[in-house]
Amino acid sequence: MAGSSDKVVMAFIGVALSIFIIYRIYIWLQSSPRSFMKDQIPFNKVIIPHPSIDILEDEGYEVVGGKLKIPLSFNVNGAQMYSRLFIDYVATKEEGSIYLVILSRPRKPLDFTGSGLRDTLLPYLLIYPECNGVLYVNVATGSIQVIKLGRDDGESN
């Protein structure tokens, strides 16, 4: 009888250990950090009224999301540093097209040169590559600049 009870105890320990391992793998998969490159654009359902919404709607865009804060952290030689990017709105024009909306700021104007656009807008386009581009809205002039990311084939040296 002693041999049979040992088998039951060992089977119970095996089942318990298997359940624990499967549970830990499940928890690990749920909490593992995902790449920013694979993130989907989040939608903030709270859309704060602003004159830029009227400008966007006049051009045929529909605002589907409000202000987003994208938290970033950097590890520099063991020191943790934090920053964030802001997206003012998320808009769509056609079925399946999503644009990130950035409003012009008097204290931080966008430099419309290749390097200025790269430095300012490239982080947004790399974090959410599935978006169709960035809409830069200048409320003072009532204009919208549609900015899309493309690759240079190396011919423009």
C-alpha atoms as a PDB file:
ATOM      1  CA  MET A   1       0.000   0.000   0.000  1.00  0.00           C
ATOM      2  CA  ALA A   2       2.949   2.291   0.628  1.00  0.00           C
ATOM      3  CA  GLY A   3       4.037   2.103  -3.029  1.00  0.00           C
ATOM      4  CA  SER A   4       0.599   3.066  -4.272  1.00  0.00           C
ATOM      5  CA  SER A   5       0.354   6.122  -2.020  1.00  0.00           C
ATOM      6  CA  ASP A   6       3.794   7.266  -3.204  1.00  0.00           C
ATOM      7  CA  LYS A   7       2.548   7.164  -6.796  1.00  0.00           C
ATOM      8  CA  VAL A   8      -0.544   9.204  -5.889  1.00  0.00           C
ATOM      9  CA  VAL A   9       1.573  11.828  -4.087  1.00  0.00           C
ATOM     10  CA  MET A  10       4.035  11.995  -7.009  1.00  0.00           C
ATOM     11  CA  ALA A  11       1.151  12.294  -9.501  1.00  0.00           C
ATOM     12  CA  PHE A  12      -0.402  15.063  -7.384  1.00  0.00           C
ATOM     13  CA  ILE A  13       2.943  16.918  -7.214  1.00  0.00           C
ATOM     14  CA  GLY A  14       3.376  16.491 -10.995  1.00  0.00           C
ATOM     15  CA  VAL A  15      -0.104  17.848 -11.739  1.00  0.00           C
ATOM     16  CA  ALA A  16       0.378  20.766  -9.324  1.00  0.00           C
ATOM     17  CA  LEU A  17       3.790  21.575 -10.829  1.00  0.00           C
ATOM     18  CA  SER A  18       2.365  21.406 -14.371  1.00  0.00           C
ATOM     19  CA  ILE A  19      -0.491  23.751 -13.460  1.00  0.00           C
ATOM     20  CA  PHE A  20       1.947  26.159 -11.789  1.00  0.00           C
ATOM     21  CA  ILE A  21       4.280  26.194 -14.828  1.00  0.00           C
ATOM     22  CA  ILE A  22       1.410  26.751 -17.264  1.00  0.00           C
ATOM     23  CA  TYR A  23       0.034  29.534 -15.045  1.00  0.00           C
ATOM     24  CA  ARG A  24       3.446  31.260 -14.839  1.00  0.00           C
ATOM     25  CA  ILE A  25       3.904  31.072 -18.614  1.00  0.00           C
ATOM     26  CA  TYR A  26       0.433  32.558 -19.073  1.00  0.00           C
ATOM     27  CA  ILE A  27       1.223  35.420 -16.652  1.00  0.00           C
ATOM     28  CA  TRP A  28       4.582  36.004 -18.337  1.00  0.00           C
ATOM     29  CA  LEU A  29       2.981  36.200 -21.778  1.00  0.00           C
ATOM     30  CA  GLN A  30       0.324  38.617 -20.536  1.00  0.00           C
ATOM     31  CA  SER A  31       2.834  40.971 -18.932  1.00  0.00           C
ATOM     32  CA  SER A  32       5.727  40.724 -21.374  1.00  0.00           C
ATOM     33  CA  PRO A  33       6.602  44.085 -22.865  1.00  0.00           C
ATOM     34  CA  ARG A  34       5.529  44.414 -26.457  1.00  0.00           C
ATOM     35  CA  SER A  35       7.538  46.253 -29.033  1.00  0.00           C
ATOM     36  CA  PHE A  36       6.375  49.800 -29.739  1.00  0.00           C
ATOM     37  CA  MET A  37       6.533  48.849 -33.390  1.00  0.00           C
ATOM     38  CA  LYS A  38       3.705  46.363 -32.880  1.00  0.00           C
ATOM     39  CA  ASP A  39       1.480  48.598 -30.781  1.00  0.00           C
ATOM     40  CA  GLN A  40      -1.903  49.532 -32.142  1.00  0.00           C
ATOM     41  CA  ILE A  41      -2.921  53.163 -32.022  1.00  0.00           C
ATOM     42  CA  PRO A  42      -4.895  53.639 -28.823  1.00  0.00           C
ATOM     43  CA  PHE A  43      -8.063  55.690 -28.954  1.00  0.00           C
ATOM     44  CA  ASN A  44      -8.959  58.142 -26.213  1.00  0.00           C
ATOM     45  CA  LYS A  45     -12.739  58.433 -26.383  1.00  0.00           C
ATOM     46  CA  VAL A  46     -12.647  61.830 -24.628  1.00  0.00           C
ATOM     47  CA  ILE A  47     -12.430  64.445 -27.395  1.00  0.00           C
ATOM     48  CA  ILE A  48     -12.027  67.952 -26.027  1.00  0.00           C
ATOM     49  CA  PRO A  49     -13.630  70.592 -28.301  1.00  0.00           C
ATOM     50  CA  HIS A  50     -11.126  72.761 -30.155  1.00  0.00           C
ATOM     51  CA  PRO A  51     -11.275  74.938 -33.310  1.00  0.00           C
ATOM     52  CA  SER A  52      -8.961  72.450 -35.022  1.00  0.00           C
ATOM     53  CA  ILE A  53     -11.763  69.871 -35.044  1.00  0.00           C
ATOM     54  CA  ASP A  54     -13.848  72.174 -37.253  1.00  0.00           C
ATOM     55  CA  ILE A  55     -10.884  72.620 -39.608  1.00  0.00           C
ATOM     56  CA  LEU A  56     -10.417  68.859 -39.835  1.00  0.00           C
ATOM     57  CA  GLU A  57     -14.122  68.219 -40.407  1.00  0.00           C
ATOM     58  CA  ASP A  58     -14.252  70.892 -43.128  1.00  0.00           C
ATOM     59  CA  GLU A  59     -11.521  68.977 -44.971  1.00  0.00           C
ATOM     60  CA  GLY A  60     -13.440  65.696 -44.679  1.00  0.00           C
ATOM     61  CA  TYR A  61     -11.651  64.164 -41.695  1.00  0.00           C
ATOM     62  CA  GLU A  62     -13.464  62.630 -38.745  1.00  0.00           C
ATOM     63  CA  VAL A  63     -11.854  62.939 -35.322  1.00  0.00           C
ATOM     64  CA  VAL A  64     -12.118  59.533 -33.641  1.00  0.00           C
ATOM     65  CA  GLY A  65      -9.776  59.978 -30.668  1.00  0.00           C
ATOM     66  CA  GLY A  66      -8.651  62.648 -28.244  1.00  0.00           C
ATOM     67  CA  LYS A  67      -5.298  63.583 -26.729  1.00  0.00           C
ATOM     68  CA  LEU A  68      -2.851  60.724 -26.185  1.00  0.00           C
ATOM     69  CA  LYS A  69       0.232  60.647 -24.012  1.00  0.00           C
ATOM     70  CA  ILE A  70       2.874  58.122 -25.043  1.00  0.00           C
ATOM     71  CA  PRO A  71       5.195  57.438 -22.094  1.00  0.00           C
ATOM     72  CA  LEU A  72       8.812  56.662 -22.948  1.00  0.00           C
ATOM     73  CA  SER A  73      11.688  55.499 -20.767  1.00  0.00           C
ATOM     74  CA  PHE A  74      15.378  55.359 -21.549  1.00  0.00           C
ATOM     75  CA  ASN A  75      18.154  53.597 -19.703  1.00  0.00           C
ATOM     76  CA  VAL A  76      21.418  55.542 -19.989  1.00  0.00           C
ATOM     77  CA  ASN A  77      24.375  53.889 -18.259  1.00  0.00           C
ATOM     78  CA  GLY A  78      22.048  52.406 -15.658  1.00  0.00           C
ATOM     79  CA  ALA A  79      20.163  55.660 -15.003  1.00  0.00           C
ATOM     80  CA  GLN A  80      16.470  55.611 -15.881  1.00  0.00           C
ATOM     81  CA  MET A  81      15.196  58.685 -17.750  1.00  0.00           C
ATOM     82  CA  TYR A  82      11.618  59.378 -18.725  1.00  0.00           C
ATOM     83  CA  SER A  83       9.895  61.418 -21.379  1.00  0.00           C
ATOM     84  CA  ARG A  84       6.663  61.385 -23.353  1.00  0.00           C
ATOM     85  CA  LEU A  85       5.213  62.251 -26.705  1.00  0.00           C
ATOM     86  CA  PHE A  86       1.807  63.826 -27.202  1.00  0.00           C
ATOM     87  CA  ILE A  87      -0.700  63.282 -29.988  1.00  0.00           C
ATOM     88  CA  ASP A  88      -3.480  65.860 -30.027  1.00  0.00           C
ATOM     89  CA  TYR A  89      -6.083  63.837 -31.925  1.00  0.00           C
ATOM     90  CA  VAL A  90      -6.539  60.713 -34.015  1.00  0.00           C
ATOM     91  CA  ALA A  91      -8.506  61.239 -37.216  1.00  0.00           C
ATOM     92  CA  THR A  92      -9.738  59.178 -40.132  1.00  0.00           C
ATOM     93  CA  LYS A  93     -10.801  60.180 -43.631  1.00  0.00           C
ATOM     94  CA  GLU A  94     -11.613  56.976 -45.440  1.00  0.00           C
ATOM     95  CA  GLU A  95     -12.393  53.510 -44.169  1.00  0.00           C
ATOM     96  CA  GLY A  96      -9.201  52.101 -42.686  1.00  0.00           C
ATOM     97  CA  SER A  97      -7.102  55.265 -42.940  1.00  0.00           C
ATOM     98  CA  ILE A  98      -5.844  56.607 -39.627  1.00  0.00           C
ATOM     99  CA  TYR A  99      -3.939  59.849 -39.152  1.00  0.00           C
ATOM    100  CA  LEU A 100      -2.211  61.219 -36.086  1.00  0.00           C
ATOM    101  CA  VAL A 101      -3.064  64.893 -35.559  1.00  0.00           C
ATOM    102  CA  ILE A 102      -0.478  67.324 -34.217  1.00  0.00           C
ATOM    103  CA  LEU A 103      -1.515  70.930 -33.604  1.00  0.00           C
ATOM    104  CA  SER A 104       0.854  73.793 -34.332  1.00  0.00           C
ATOM    105  CA  ARG A 105       2.242  75.533 -31.281  1.00  0.00           C
ATOM    106  CA  PRO A 106       3.538  79.135 -31.353  1.00  0.00           C
ATOM    107  CA  ARG A 107       6.400  78.236 -29.005  1.00  0.00           C
ATOM    108  CA  LYS A 108       7.332  75.107 -30.965  1.00  0.00           C
ATOM    109  CA  PRO A 109       6.841  75.662 -34.709  1.00  0.00           C
ATOM    110  CA  LEU A 110       7.462  72.791 -37.107  1.00  0.00           C
ATOM    111  CA  ASP A 111      10.461  73.307 -39.364  1.00  0.00           C
ATOM    112  CA  PHE A 112       9.316  72.248 -42.841  1.00  0.00           C
ATOM    113  CA  THR A 113      12.664  70.885 -43.944  1.00  0.00           C
ATOM    114  CA  GLY A 114      13.646  67.267 -44.327  1.00  0.00           C
ATOM    115  CA  SER A 115      15.656  67.247 -41.122  1.00  0.00           C
ATOM    116  CA  GLY A 116      13.043  69.271 -39.224  1.00  0.00           C
ATOM    117  CA  LEU A 117      10.257  66.869 -40.183  1.00  0.00           C
ATOM    118  CA  ARG A 118      12.477  63.880 -39.375  1.00  0.00           C
ATOM    119  CA  ASP A 119      13.412  65.186 -35.939  1.00  0.00           C
ATOM    120  CA  THR A 120       9.871  66.142 -34.994  1.00  0.00           C
ATOM    121  CA  LEU A 121       7.598  63.568 -36.633  1.00  0.00           C
ATOM    122  CA  LEU A 122       9.665  60.417 -37.165  1.00  0.00           C
ATOM    123  CA  PRO A 123       9.098  59.123 -33.598  1.00  0.00           C
ATOM    124  CA  TYR A 124       5.324  59.195 -34.129  1.00  0.00           C
ATOM    125  CA  LEU A 125       5.526  57.415 -37.469  1.00  0.00           C
ATOM    126  CA  LEU A 126       7.883  54.757 -36.120  1.00  0.00           C
ATOM    127  CA  ILE A 127       5.841  54.028 -33.004  1.00  0.00           C
ATOM    128  CA  TYR A 128       2.646  53.630 -35.032  1.00  0.00           C
ATOM    129  CA  PRO A 129       3.712  52.496 -38.518  1.00  0.00           C
ATOM    130  CA  GLU A 130       0.169  51.438 -39.431  1.00  0.00           C
ATOM    131  CA  CYS A 131      -1.006  55.071 -39.489  1.00  0.00           C
ATOM    132  CA  ASN A 132      -1.299  56.726 -42.895  1.00  0.00           C
ATOM    133  CA  GLY A 133       0.553  59.834 -41.813  1.00  0.00           C
ATOM    134  CA  VAL A 134       0.469  62.907 -39.632  1.00  0.00           C
ATOM    135  CA  LEU A 135      -1.910  65.815 -40.023  1.00  0.00           C
ATOM    136  CA  TYR A 136      -0.224  69.039 -38.911  1.00  0.00           C
ATOM    137  CA  VAL A 137      -2.987  71.534 -38.188  1.00  0.00           C
ATOM    138  CA  ASN A 138      -2.233  75.237 -38.023  1.00  0.00           C
ATOM    139  CA  VAL A 139      -5.277  76.764 -36.342  1.00  0.00           C
ATOM    140  CA  ALA A 140      -4.117  80.347 -36.931  1.00  0.00           C
ATOM    141  CA  THR A 141      -4.116  79.929 -40.721  1.00  0.00           C
ATOM    142  CA  GLY A 142      -6.768  77.194 -40.838  1.00  0.00           C
ATOM    143  CA  SER A 143      -4.493  74.917 -42.848  1.00  0.00           C
ATOM    144  CA  ILE A 144      -3.742  71.211 -42.701  1.00  0.00           C
ATOM    145  CA  GLN A 145      -0.460  69.717 -43.857  1.00  0.00           C
ATOM    146  CA  VAL A 146      -0.665  65.981 -44.671  1.00  0.00           C
ATOM    147  CA  ILE A 147       2.741  64.446 -43.947  1.00  0.00           C
ATOM    148  CA  LYS A 148       3.487  60.873 -44.960  1.00  0.00           C
ATOM    149  CA  LEU A 149       6.668  58.902 -44.437  1.00  0.00           C
ATOM    150  CA  GLY A 150       8.461  57.602 -47.493  1.00  0.00           C
ATOM    151  CA  ARG A 151      11.851  56.118 -48.268  1.00  0.00           C
ATOM    152  CA  ASP A 152      14.476  57.733 -50.410  1.00  0.00           C
ATOM    153  CA  ASP A 153      15.860  55.327 -52.981  1.00  0.00           C
ATOM    154  CA  GLY A 154      19.289  56.955 -52.675  1.00  0.00           C
ATOM    155  CA  GLU A 155      19.014  58.815 -55.963  1.00  0.00           C
ATOM    156  CA  SER A 156      18.818  62.262 -54.363  1.00  0.00           C
ATOM    157  CA  ASN A 157      22.431  62.522 -53.131  1.00  0.00           C
END
